[in-house]
Amino acid sequence: MVFPIAANSWPSGQVDDDAYHFISDQIFSAVEAGCDAVLLDLHGAMVTKSLEDGEGALLTRLRSIAPKIPIGVALDMHTNMYTQVLPITSPY
């Protein structure tokens, strides 16, 4: 198992774009290096200075980097759900 980064914040307010990009780039680099699956423990309501749906953007890019690996996501019960549909692929 590889843990490329662990981060947290007090709830409320926007995430600074520099912090968002630093954290997500750590995840993308680890996946690009190769892995069998990804499991993320996300909040589900992250808003950054420039993104209304921070997690959605992260997952969309992650799927483009790794179109065939399983991606699991744990979200808080009060997550924000968007109509954006991520392409789902399965190696099975």
PDB file of N, CA and C in Angstrom:
ATOM      1  N   MET A   1       0.833  -1.172   0.000  1.00  0.00           N
ATOM      2  CA  MET A   1       0.000   0.000   0.000  1.00  0.00           C
ATOM      3  C   MET A   1       0.879   1.237   0.000  1.00  0.00           C
ATOM      4  N   VAL A   2       0.392   2.230  -0.706  1.00  0.00           N
ATOM      5  CA  VAL A   2       1.089   3.504  -0.780  1.00  0.00           C
ATOM      6  C   VAL A   2       0.133   4.594  -0.320  1.00  0.00           C
ATOM      7  N   PHE A   3       0.613   5.446   0.547  1.00  0.00           N
ATOM      8  CA  PHE A   3      -0.167   6.587   1.024  1.00  0.00           C
ATOM      9  C   PHE A   3       0.553   7.846   0.556  1.00  0.00           C
ATOM     10  N   PRO A   4       0.199   8.358  -0.636  1.00  0.00           N
ATOM     11  CA  PRO A   4       0.956   9.494  -1.163  1.00  0.00           C
ATOM     12  C   PRO A   4       0.800  10.775  -0.357  1.00  0.00           C
ATOM     13  N   ILE A   5      -0.336  10.925   0.342  1.00  0.00           N
ATOM     14  CA  ILE A   5      -0.534  12.134   1.139  1.00  0.00           C
ATOM     15  C   ILE A   5      -1.731  11.936   2.062  1.00  0.00           C
ATOM     16  N   ALA A   6      -1.700  12.588   3.186  1.00  0.00           N
ATOM     17  CA  ALA A   6      -2.852  12.669   4.094  1.00  0.00           C
ATOM     18  C   ALA A   6      -2.998  14.141   4.450  1.00  0.00           C
ATOM     19  N   ALA A   7      -4.209  14.642   4.334  1.00  0.00           N
ATOM     20  CA  ALA A   7      -4.437  16.063   4.607  1.00  0.00           C
ATOM     21  C   ALA A   7      -5.827  16.235   5.191  1.00  0.00           C
ATOM     22  N   ASN A   8      -5.989  17.267   5.978  1.00  0.00           N
ATOM     23  CA  ASN A   8      -7.323  17.585   6.489  1.00  0.00           C
ATOM     24  C   ASN A   8      -7.401  19.083   6.745  1.00  0.00           C
ATOM     25  N   SER A   9      -8.605  19.515   7.038  1.00  0.00           N
ATOM     26  CA  SER A   9      -8.842  20.929   7.262  1.00  0.00           C
ATOM     27  C   SER A   9     -10.091  21.079   8.110  1.00  0.00           C
ATOM     28  N   TRP A  10     -10.218  22.214   8.759  1.00  0.00           N
ATOM     29  CA  TRP A  10     -11.468  22.513   9.441  1.00  0.00           C
ATOM     30  C   TRP A  10     -12.545  22.684   8.380  1.00  0.00           C
ATOM     31  N   PRO A  11     -13.763  22.254   8.654  1.00  0.00           N
ATOM     32  CA  PRO A  11     -14.825  22.432   7.654  1.00  0.00           C
ATOM     33  C   PRO A  11     -15.191  23.903   7.480  1.00  0.00           C
ATOM     34  N   SER A  12     -15.748  24.183   6.319  1.00  0.00           N
ATOM     35  CA  SER A  12     -16.241  25.520   5.980  1.00  0.00           C
ATOM     36  C   SER A  12     -15.155  26.295   5.247  1.00  0.00           C
ATOM     37  N   GLY A  13     -15.593  27.118   4.346  1.00  0.00           N
ATOM     38  CA  GLY A  13     -14.667  27.945   3.592  1.00  0.00           C
ATOM     39  C   GLY A  13     -14.101  27.220   2.386  1.00  0.00           C
ATOM     40  N   GLN A  14     -13.434  27.972   1.552  1.00  0.00           N
ATOM     41  CA  GLN A  14     -12.864  27.431   0.327  1.00  0.00           C
ATOM     42  C   GLN A  14     -11.434  26.961   0.547  1.00  0.00           C
ATOM     43  N   VAL A  15     -11.062  25.922  -0.190  1.00  0.00           N
ATOM     44  CA  VAL A  15      -9.690  25.423  -0.176  1.00  0.00           C
ATOM     45  C   VAL A  15      -8.877  26.289  -1.129  1.00  0.00           C
ATOM     46  N   ASP A  16      -7.710  26.708  -0.705  1.00  0.00           N
ATOM     47  CA  ASP A  16      -6.828  27.492  -1.560  1.00  0.00           C
ATOM     48  C   ASP A  16      -6.404  26.629  -2.757  1.00  0.00           C
ATOM     49  N   ASP A  17      -6.401  27.212  -3.953  1.00  0.00           N
ATOM     50  CA  ASP A  17      -6.054  26.462  -5.165  1.00  0.00           C
ATOM     51  C   ASP A  17      -4.659  25.849  -5.094  1.00  0.00           C
ATOM     52  N   ASP A  18      -3.700  26.556  -4.515  1.00  0.00           N
ATOM     53  CA  ASP A  18      -2.345  26.009  -4.415  1.00  0.00           C
ATOM     54  C   ASP A  18      -2.328  24.743  -3.558  1.00  0.00           C
ATOM     55  N   ALA A  19      -3.059  24.743  -2.456  1.00  0.00           N
ATOM     56  CA  ALA A  19      -3.134  23.564  -1.598  1.00  0.00           C
ATOM     57  C   ALA A  19      -3.826  22.423  -2.337  1.00  0.00           C
ATOM     58  N   TYR A  20      -4.938  22.722  -3.005  1.00  0.00           N
ATOM     59  CA  TYR A  20      -5.668  21.705  -3.759  1.00  0.00           C
ATOM     60  C   TYR A  20      -4.770  21.044  -4.808  1.00  0.00           C
ATOM     61  N   HIS A  21      -4.043  21.857  -5.572  1.00  0.00           N
ATOM     62  CA  HIS A  21      -3.182  21.310  -6.623  1.00  0.00           C
ATOM     63  C   HIS A  21      -2.018  20.514  -6.035  1.00  0.00           C
ATOM     64  N   PHE A  22      -1.445  20.982  -4.935  1.00  0.00           N
ATOM     65  CA  PHE A  22      -0.350  20.235  -4.306  1.00  0.00           C
ATOM     66  C   PHE A  22      -0.834  18.857  -3.852  1.00  0.00           C
ATOM     67  N   ILE A  23      -1.963  18.821  -3.174  1.00  0.00           N
ATOM     68  CA  ILE A  23      -2.494  17.559  -2.650  1.00  0.00           C
ATOM     69  C   ILE A  23      -2.887  16.628  -3.792  1.00  0.00           C
ATOM     70  N   SER A  24      -3.645  17.143  -4.769  1.00  0.00           N
ATOM     71  CA  SER A  24      -4.080  16.268  -5.857  1.00  0.00           C
ATOM     72  C   SER A  24      -2.906  15.809  -6.714  1.00  0.00           C
ATOM     73  N   ASP A  25      -1.904  16.651  -6.902  1.00  0.00           N
ATOM     74  CA  ASP A  25      -0.737  16.232  -7.678  1.00  0.00           C
ATOM     75  C   ASP A  25      -0.002  15.075  -7.016  1.00  0.00           C
ATOM     76  N   GLN A  26       0.006  15.036  -5.682  1.00  0.00           N
ATOM     77  CA  GLN A  26       0.627  13.900  -4.984  1.00  0.00           C
ATOM     78  C   GLN A  26      -0.112  12.598  -5.312  1.00  0.00           C
ATOM     79  N   ILE A  27      -1.431  12.683  -5.342  1.00  0.00           N
ATOM     80  CA  ILE A  27      -2.252  11.510  -5.671  1.00  0.00           C
ATOM     81  C   ILE A  27      -2.016  11.094  -7.119  1.00  0.00           C
ATOM     82  N   PHE A  28      -2.046  12.065  -8.040  1.00  0.00           N
ATOM     83  CA  PHE A  28      -1.866  11.756  -9.460  1.00  0.00           C
ATOM     84  C   PHE A  28      -0.497  11.141  -9.715  1.00  0.00           C
ATOM     85  N   SER A  29       0.528  11.656  -9.078  1.00  0.00           N
ATOM     86  CA  SER A  29       1.886  11.119  -9.268  1.00  0.00           C
ATOM     87  C   SER A  29       1.977   9.676  -8.803  1.00  0.00           C
ATOM     88  N   ALA A  30       1.358   9.376  -7.669  1.00  0.00           N
ATOM     89  CA  ALA A  30       1.396   8.004  -7.155  1.00  0.00           C
ATOM     90  C   ALA A  30       0.667   7.056  -8.101  1.00  0.00           C
ATOM     91  N   VAL A  31      -0.464   7.476  -8.643  1.00  0.00           N
ATOM     92  CA  VAL A  31      -1.223   6.624  -9.566  1.00  0.00           C
ATOM     93  C   VAL A  31      -0.463   6.469 -10.881  1.00  0.00           C
ATOM     94  N   GLU A  32       0.125   7.536 -11.382  1.00  0.00           N
ATOM     95  CA  GLU A  32       0.908   7.453 -12.613  1.00  0.00           C
ATOM     96  C   GLU A  32       2.102   6.517 -12.469  1.00  0.00           C
ATOM     97  N   ALA A  33       2.638   6.399 -11.248  1.00  0.00           N
ATOM     98  CA  ALA A  33       3.767   5.501 -10.998  1.00  0.00           C
ATOM     99  C   ALA A  33       3.344   4.034 -11.076  1.00  0.00           C
ATOM    100  N   GLY A  34       2.028   3.794 -10.998  1.00  0.00           N
ATOM    101  CA  GLY A  34       1.509   2.442 -11.134  1.00  0.00           C
ATOM    102  C   GLY A  34       0.858   1.954  -9.860  1.00  0.00           C
ATOM    103  N   CYS A  35      -0.328   1.385 -10.012  1.00  0.00           N
ATOM    104  CA  CYS A  35      -1.030   0.809  -8.878  1.00  0.00           C
ATOM    105  C   CYS A  35      -2.126  -0.120  -9.391  1.00  0.00           C
ATOM    106  N   ASP A  36      -2.642  -0.936  -8.488  1.00  0.00           N
ATOM    107  CA  ASP A  36      -3.706  -1.877  -8.836  1.00  0.00           C
ATOM    108  C   ASP A  36      -5.092  -1.298  -8.601  1.00  0.00           C
ATOM    109  N   ALA A  37      -5.203  -0.344  -7.684  1.00  0.00           N
ATOM    110  CA  ALA A  37      -6.489   0.261  -7.339  1.00  0.00           C
ATOM    111  C   ALA A  37      -6.226   1.536  -6.547  1.00  0.00           C
ATOM    112  N   VAL A  38      -7.272   2.351  -6.409  1.00  0.00           N
ATOM    113  CA  VAL A  38      -7.180   3.593  -5.638  1.00  0.00           C
ATOM    114  C   VAL A  38      -8.366   3.628  -4.676  1.00  0.00           C
ATOM    115  N   LEU A  39      -8.099   3.976  -3.428  1.00  0.00           N
ATOM    116  CA  LEU A  39      -9.159   4.184  -2.444  1.00  0.00           C
ATOM    117  C   LEU A  39      -8.932   5.557  -1.816  1.00  0.00           C
ATOM    118  N   LEU A  40      -9.923   6.426  -1.946  1.00  0.00           N
ATOM    119  CA  LEU A  40      -9.832   7.784  -1.412  1.00  0.00           C
ATOM    120  C   LEU A  40     -10.894   7.988  -0.344  1.00  0.00           C
ATOM    121  N   ASP A  41     -10.516   8.634   0.736  1.00  0.00           N
ATOM    122  CA  ASP A  41     -11.461   9.014   1.787  1.00  0.00           C
ATOM    123  C   ASP A  41     -11.647  10.523   1.665  1.00  0.00           C
ATOM    124  N   LEU A  42     -12.706  10.916   0.982  1.00  0.00           N
ATOM    125  CA  LEU A  42     -12.950  12.324   0.683  1.00  0.00           C
ATOM    126  C   LEU A  42     -14.124  12.852   1.494  1.00  0.00           C
ATOM    127  N   HIS A  43     -14.271  14.143   1.533  1.00  0.00           N
ATOM    128  CA  HIS A  43     -15.400  14.754   2.230  1.00  0.00           C
ATOM    129  C   HIS A  43     -16.644  14.726   1.358  1.00  0.00           C
ATOM    130  N   GLY A  44     -16.510  15.223   0.132  1.00  0.00           N
ATOM    131  CA  GLY A  44     -17.632  15.215  -0.785  1.00  0.00           C
ATOM    132  C   GLY A  44     -18.276  16.567  -0.995  1.00  0.00           C
ATOM    133  N   ALA A  45     -17.794  17.582  -0.316  1.00  0.00           N
ATOM    134  CA  ALA A  45     -18.372  18.916  -0.488  1.00  0.00           C
ATOM    135  C   ALA A  45     -17.273  19.976  -0.604  1.00  0.00           C
ATOM    136  N   MET A  46     -16.098  19.578  -1.110  1.00  0.00           N
ATOM    137  CA  MET A  46     -14.985  20.513  -1.191  1.00  0.00           C
ATOM    138  C   MET A  46     -15.196  21.541  -2.305  1.00  0.00           C
ATOM    139  N   VAL A  47     -15.046  22.789  -1.948  1.00  0.00           N
ATOM    140  CA  VAL A  47     -15.077  23.899  -2.891  1.00  0.00           C
ATOM    141  C   VAL A  47     -13.719  24.575  -2.800  1.00  0.00           C
ATOM    142  N   THR A  48     -13.108  24.816  -3.960  1.00  0.00           N
ATOM    143  CA  THR A  48     -11.840  25.540  -3.964  1.00  0.00           C
ATOM    144  C   THR A  48     -12.104  26.950  -4.474  1.00  0.00           C
ATOM    145  N   LYS A  49     -11.068  27.753  -4.510  1.00  0.00           N
ATOM    146  CA  LYS A  49     -11.218  29.128  -5.011  1.00  0.00           C
ATOM    147  C   LYS A  49     -11.714  29.140  -6.458  1.00  0.00           C
ATOM    148  N   SER A  50     -11.386  28.096  -7.241  1.00  0.00           N
ATOM    149  CA  SER A  50     -11.771  28.106  -8.652  1.00  0.00           C
ATOM    150  C   SER A  50     -12.651  26.920  -9.069  1.00  0.00           C
ATOM    151  N   LEU A  51     -12.944  25.999  -8.157  1.00  0.00           N
ATOM    152  CA  LEU A  51     -13.754  24.826  -8.493  1.00  0.00           C
ATOM    153  C   LEU A  51     -14.930  24.698  -7.535  1.00  0.00           C
ATOM    154  N   GLU A  52     -16.117  24.575  -8.070  1.00  0.00           N
ATOM    155  CA  GLU A  52     -17.292  24.354  -7.232  1.00  0.00           C
ATOM    156  C   GLU A  52     -17.324  22.922  -6.700  1.00  0.00           C
ATOM    157  N   ASP A  53     -16.754  21.992  -7.457  1.00  0.00           N
ATOM    158  CA  ASP A  53     -16.745  20.574  -7.085  1.00  0.00           C
ATOM    159  C   ASP A  53     -15.313  20.057  -7.139  1.00  0.00           C
ATOM    160  N   GLY A  54     -14.562  20.300  -6.071  1.00  0.00           N
ATOM    161  CA  GLY A  54     -13.160  19.897  -6.023  1.00  0.00           C
ATOM    162  C   GLY A  54     -12.959  18.406  -6.169  1.00  0.00           C
ATOM    163  N   GLU A  55     -13.780  17.610  -5.483  1.00  0.00           N
ATOM    164  CA  GLU A  55     -13.637  16.158  -5.575  1.00  0.00           C
ATOM    165  C   GLU A  55     -14.016  15.633  -6.957  1.00  0.00           C
ATOM    166  N   GLY A  56     -15.039  16.235  -7.556  1.00  0.00           N
ATOM    167  CA  GLY A  56     -15.431  15.815  -8.900  1.00  0.00           C
ATOM    168  C   GLY A  56     -14.311  16.043  -9.903  1.00  0.00           C
ATOM    169  N   ALA A  57     -13.656  17.189  -9.802  1.00  0.00           N
ATOM    170  CA  ALA A  57     -12.530  17.486 -10.688  1.00  0.00           C
ATOM    171  C   ALA A  57     -11.377  16.510 -10.437  1.00  0.00           C
ATOM    172  N   LEU A  58     -11.116  16.218  -9.176  1.00  0.00           N
ATOM    173  CA  LEU A  58     -10.057  15.272  -8.833  1.00  0.00           C
ATOM    174  C   LEU A  58     -10.358  13.894  -9.419  1.00  0.00           C
ATOM    175  N   LEU A  59     -11.582  13.422  -9.258  1.00  0.00           N
ATOM    176  CA  LEU A  59     -11.956  12.096  -9.759  1.00  0.00           C
ATOM    177  C   LEU A  59     -11.969  12.040 -11.282  1.00  0.00           C
ATOM    178  N   THR A  60     -12.400  13.116 -11.929  1.00  0.00           N
ATOM    179  CA  THR A  60     -12.402  13.151 -13.392  1.00  0.00           C
ATOM    180  C   THR A  60     -10.983  13.035 -13.929  1.00  0.00           C
ATOM    181  N   ARG A  61     -10.064  13.788 -13.338  1.00  0.00           N
ATOM    182  CA  ARG A  61      -8.669  13.707 -13.801  1.00  0.00           C
ATOM    183  C   ARG A  61      -8.058  12.362 -13.453  1.00  0.00           C
ATOM    184  N   LEU A  62      -8.368  11.856 -12.286  1.00  0.00           N
ATOM    185  CA  LEU A  62      -7.855  10.548 -11.883  1.00  0.00           C
ATOM    186  C   LEU A  62      -8.313   9.464 -12.860  1.00  0.00           C
ATOM    187  N   ARG A  63      -9.571   9.507 -13.252  1.00  0.00           N
ATOM    188  CA  ARG A  63     -10.079   8.520 -14.205  1.00  0.00           C
ATOM    189  C   ARG A  63      -9.388   8.658 -15.557  1.00  0.00           C
ATOM    190  N   SER A  64      -9.057   9.882 -15.962  1.00  0.00           N
ATOM    191  CA  SER A  64      -8.363  10.060 -17.247  1.00  0.00           C
ATOM    192  C   SER A  64      -6.927   9.531 -17.183  1.00  0.00           C
ATOM    193  N   ILE A  65      -6.311   9.598 -16.013  1.00  0.00           N
ATOM    194  CA  ILE A  65      -4.958   9.078 -15.827  1.00  0.00           C
ATOM    195  C   ILE A  65      -4.967   7.554 -15.779  1.00  0.00           C
ATOM    196  N   ALA A  66      -5.979   6.991 -15.134  1.00  0.00           N
ATOM    197  CA  ALA A  66      -6.048   5.544 -14.911  1.00  0.00           C
ATOM    198  C   ALA A  66      -7.429   5.025 -15.314  1.00  0.00           C
ATOM    199  N   PRO A  67      -7.672   4.891 -16.614  1.00  0.00           N
ATOM    200  CA  PRO A  67      -9.022   4.544 -17.070  1.00  0.00           C
ATOM    201  C   PRO A  67      -9.486   3.134 -16.720  1.00  0.00           C
ATOM    202  N   LYS A  68      -8.574   2.249 -16.353  1.00  0.00           N
ATOM    203  CA  LYS A  68      -8.989   0.861 -16.142  1.00  0.00           C
ATOM    204  C   LYS A  68      -8.847   0.341 -14.721  1.00  0.00           C
ATOM    205  N   ILE A  69      -8.298   1.133 -13.817  1.00  0.00           N
ATOM    206  CA  ILE A  69      -8.140   0.622 -12.457  1.00  0.00           C
ATOM    207  C   ILE A  69      -9.375   0.946 -11.618  1.00  0.00           C
ATOM    208  N   PRO A  70      -9.687   0.093 -10.650  1.00  0.00           N
ATOM    209  CA  PRO A  70     -10.812   0.392  -9.754  1.00  0.00           C
ATOM    210  C   PRO A  70     -10.496   1.614  -8.884  1.00  0.00           C
ATOM    211  N   ILE A  71     -11.491   2.474  -8.726  1.00  0.00           N
ATOM    212  CA  ILE A  71     -11.372   3.646  -7.860  1.00  0.00           C
ATOM    213  C   ILE A  71     -12.522   3.578  -6.863  1.00  0.00           C
ATOM    214  N   GLY A  72     -12.187   3.503  -5.587  1.00  0.00           N
ATOM    215  CA  GLY A  72     -13.181   3.515  -4.529  1.00  0.00           C
ATOM    216  C   GLY A  72     -13.124   4.842  -3.802  1.00  0.00           C
ATOM    217  N   VAL A  73     -14.290   5.339  -3.395  1.00  0.00           N
ATOM    218  CA  VAL A  73     -14.349   6.630  -2.716  1.00  0.00           C
ATOM    219  C   VAL A  73     -15.303   6.540  -1.534  1.00  0.00           C
ATOM    220  N   ALA A  74     -14.838   6.931  -0.361  1.00  0.00           N
ATOM    221  CA  ALA A  74     -15.700   7.069   0.819  1.00  0.00           C
ATOM    222  C   ALA A  74     -16.033   8.546   0.950  1.00  0.00           C
ATOM    223  N   LEU A  75     -17.317   8.861   1.133  1.00  0.00           N
ATOM    224  CA  LEU A  75     -17.771  10.245   1.257  1.00  0.00           C
ATOM    225  C   LEU A  75     -18.586  10.423   2.526  1.00  0.00           C
ATOM    226  N   ASP A  76     -18.601  11.630   3.071  1.00  0.00           N
ATOM    227  CA  ASP A  76     -19.458  11.946   4.217  1.00  0.00           C
ATOM    228  C   ASP A  76     -20.932  11.799   3.817  1.00  0.00           C
ATOM    229  N   MET A  77     -21.772  11.607   4.808  1.00  0.00           N
ATOM    230  CA  MET A  77     -23.204  11.448   4.563  1.00  0.00           C
ATOM    231  C   MET A  77     -23.847  12.707   3.987  1.00  0.00           C
ATOM    232  N   HIS A  78     -23.231  13.854   4.161  1.00  0.00           N
ATOM    233  CA  HIS A  78     -23.805  15.100   3.645  1.00  0.00           C
ATOM    234  C   HIS A  78     -23.048  15.618   2.427  1.00  0.00           C
ATOM    235  N   THR A  79     -22.544  14.721   1.628  1.00  0.00           N
ATOM    236  CA  THR A  79     -21.808  15.104   0.423  1.00  0.00           C
ATOM    237  C   THR A  79     -22.697  15.869  -0.561  1.00  0.00           C
ATOM    238  N   ASN A  80     -22.102  16.665  -1.387  1.00  0.00           N
ATOM    239  CA  ASN A  80     -22.826  17.334  -2.478  1.00  0.00           C
ATOM    240  C   ASN A  80     -22.755  16.441  -3.700  1.00  0.00           C
ATOM    241  N   MET A  81     -23.884  16.134  -4.286  1.00  0.00           N
ATOM    242  CA  MET A  81     -23.927  15.303  -5.489  1.00  0.00           C
ATOM    243  C   MET A  81     -24.171  16.196  -6.700  1.00  0.00           C
ATOM    244  N   TYR A  82     -23.361  16.036  -7.712  1.00  0.00           N
ATOM    245  CA  TYR A  82     -23.487  16.813  -8.940  1.00  0.00           C
ATOM    246  C   TYR A  82     -23.970  15.911 -10.061  1.00  0.00           C
ATOM    247  N   THR A  83     -24.507  16.516 -11.106  1.00  0.00           N
ATOM    248  CA  THR A  83     -25.022  15.732 -12.226  1.00  0.00           C
ATOM    249  C   THR A  83     -23.926  15.267 -13.168  1.00  0.00           C
ATOM    250  N   GLN A  84     -22.714  15.731 -12.960  1.00  0.00           N
ATOM    251  CA  GLN A  84     -21.597  15.300 -13.787  1.00  0.00           C
ATOM    252  C   GLN A  84     -21.464  13.788 -13.683  1.00  0.00           C
ATOM    253  N   VAL A  85     -21.379  13.131 -14.807  1.00  0.00           N
ATOM    254  CA  VAL A  85     -21.239  11.678 -14.811  1.00  0.00           C
ATOM    255  C   VAL A  85     -19.813  11.350 -15.197  1.00  0.00           C
ATOM    256  N   LEU A  86     -19.142  10.598 -14.333  1.00  0.00           N
ATOM    257  CA  LEU A  86     -17.787  10.169 -14.635  1.00  0.00           C
ATOM    258  C   LEU A  86     -17.848   8.900 -15.473  1.00  0.00           C
ATOM    259  N   PRO A  87     -16.983   8.770 -16.462  1.00  0.00           N
ATOM    260  CA  PRO A  87     -16.965   7.533 -17.228  1.00  0.00           C
ATOM    261  C   PRO A  87     -16.550   6.372 -16.324  1.00  0.00           C
ATOM    262  N   ILE A  88     -17.308   5.321 -16.356  1.00  0.00           N
ATOM    263  CA  ILE A  88     -17.018   4.150 -15.525  1.00  0.00           C
ATOM    264  C   ILE A  88     -16.504   3.047 -16.437  1.00  0.00           C
ATOM    265  N   THR A  89     -15.359   2.535 -16.098  1.00  0.00           N
ATOM    266  CA  THR A  89     -14.822   1.407 -16.850  1.00  0.00           C
ATOM    267  C   THR A  89     -14.548   0.286 -15.874  1.00  0.00           C
ATOM    268  N   SER A  90     -14.567  -0.898 -16.365  1.00  0.00           N
ATOM    269  CA  SER A  90     -14.300  -2.051 -15.510  1.00  0.00           C
ATOM    270  C   SER A  90     -13.348  -2.991 -16.226  1.00  0.00           C
ATOM    271  N   PRO A  91     -12.326  -3.474 -15.518  1.00  0.00           N
ATOM    272  CA  PRO A  91     -11.420  -4.431 -16.133  1.00  0.00           C
ATOM    273  C   PRO A  91     -12.016  -5.848 -16.177  1.00  0.00           C
ATOM    274  N   TYR A  92     -13.191  -6.030 -15.616  1.00  0.00           N
ATOM    275  CA  TYR A  92     -13.792  -7.361 -15.518  1.00  0.00           C
ATOM    276  C   TYR A  92     -14.795  -7.625 -16.600  1.00  0.00           C
TER     277      TYR A  92
END
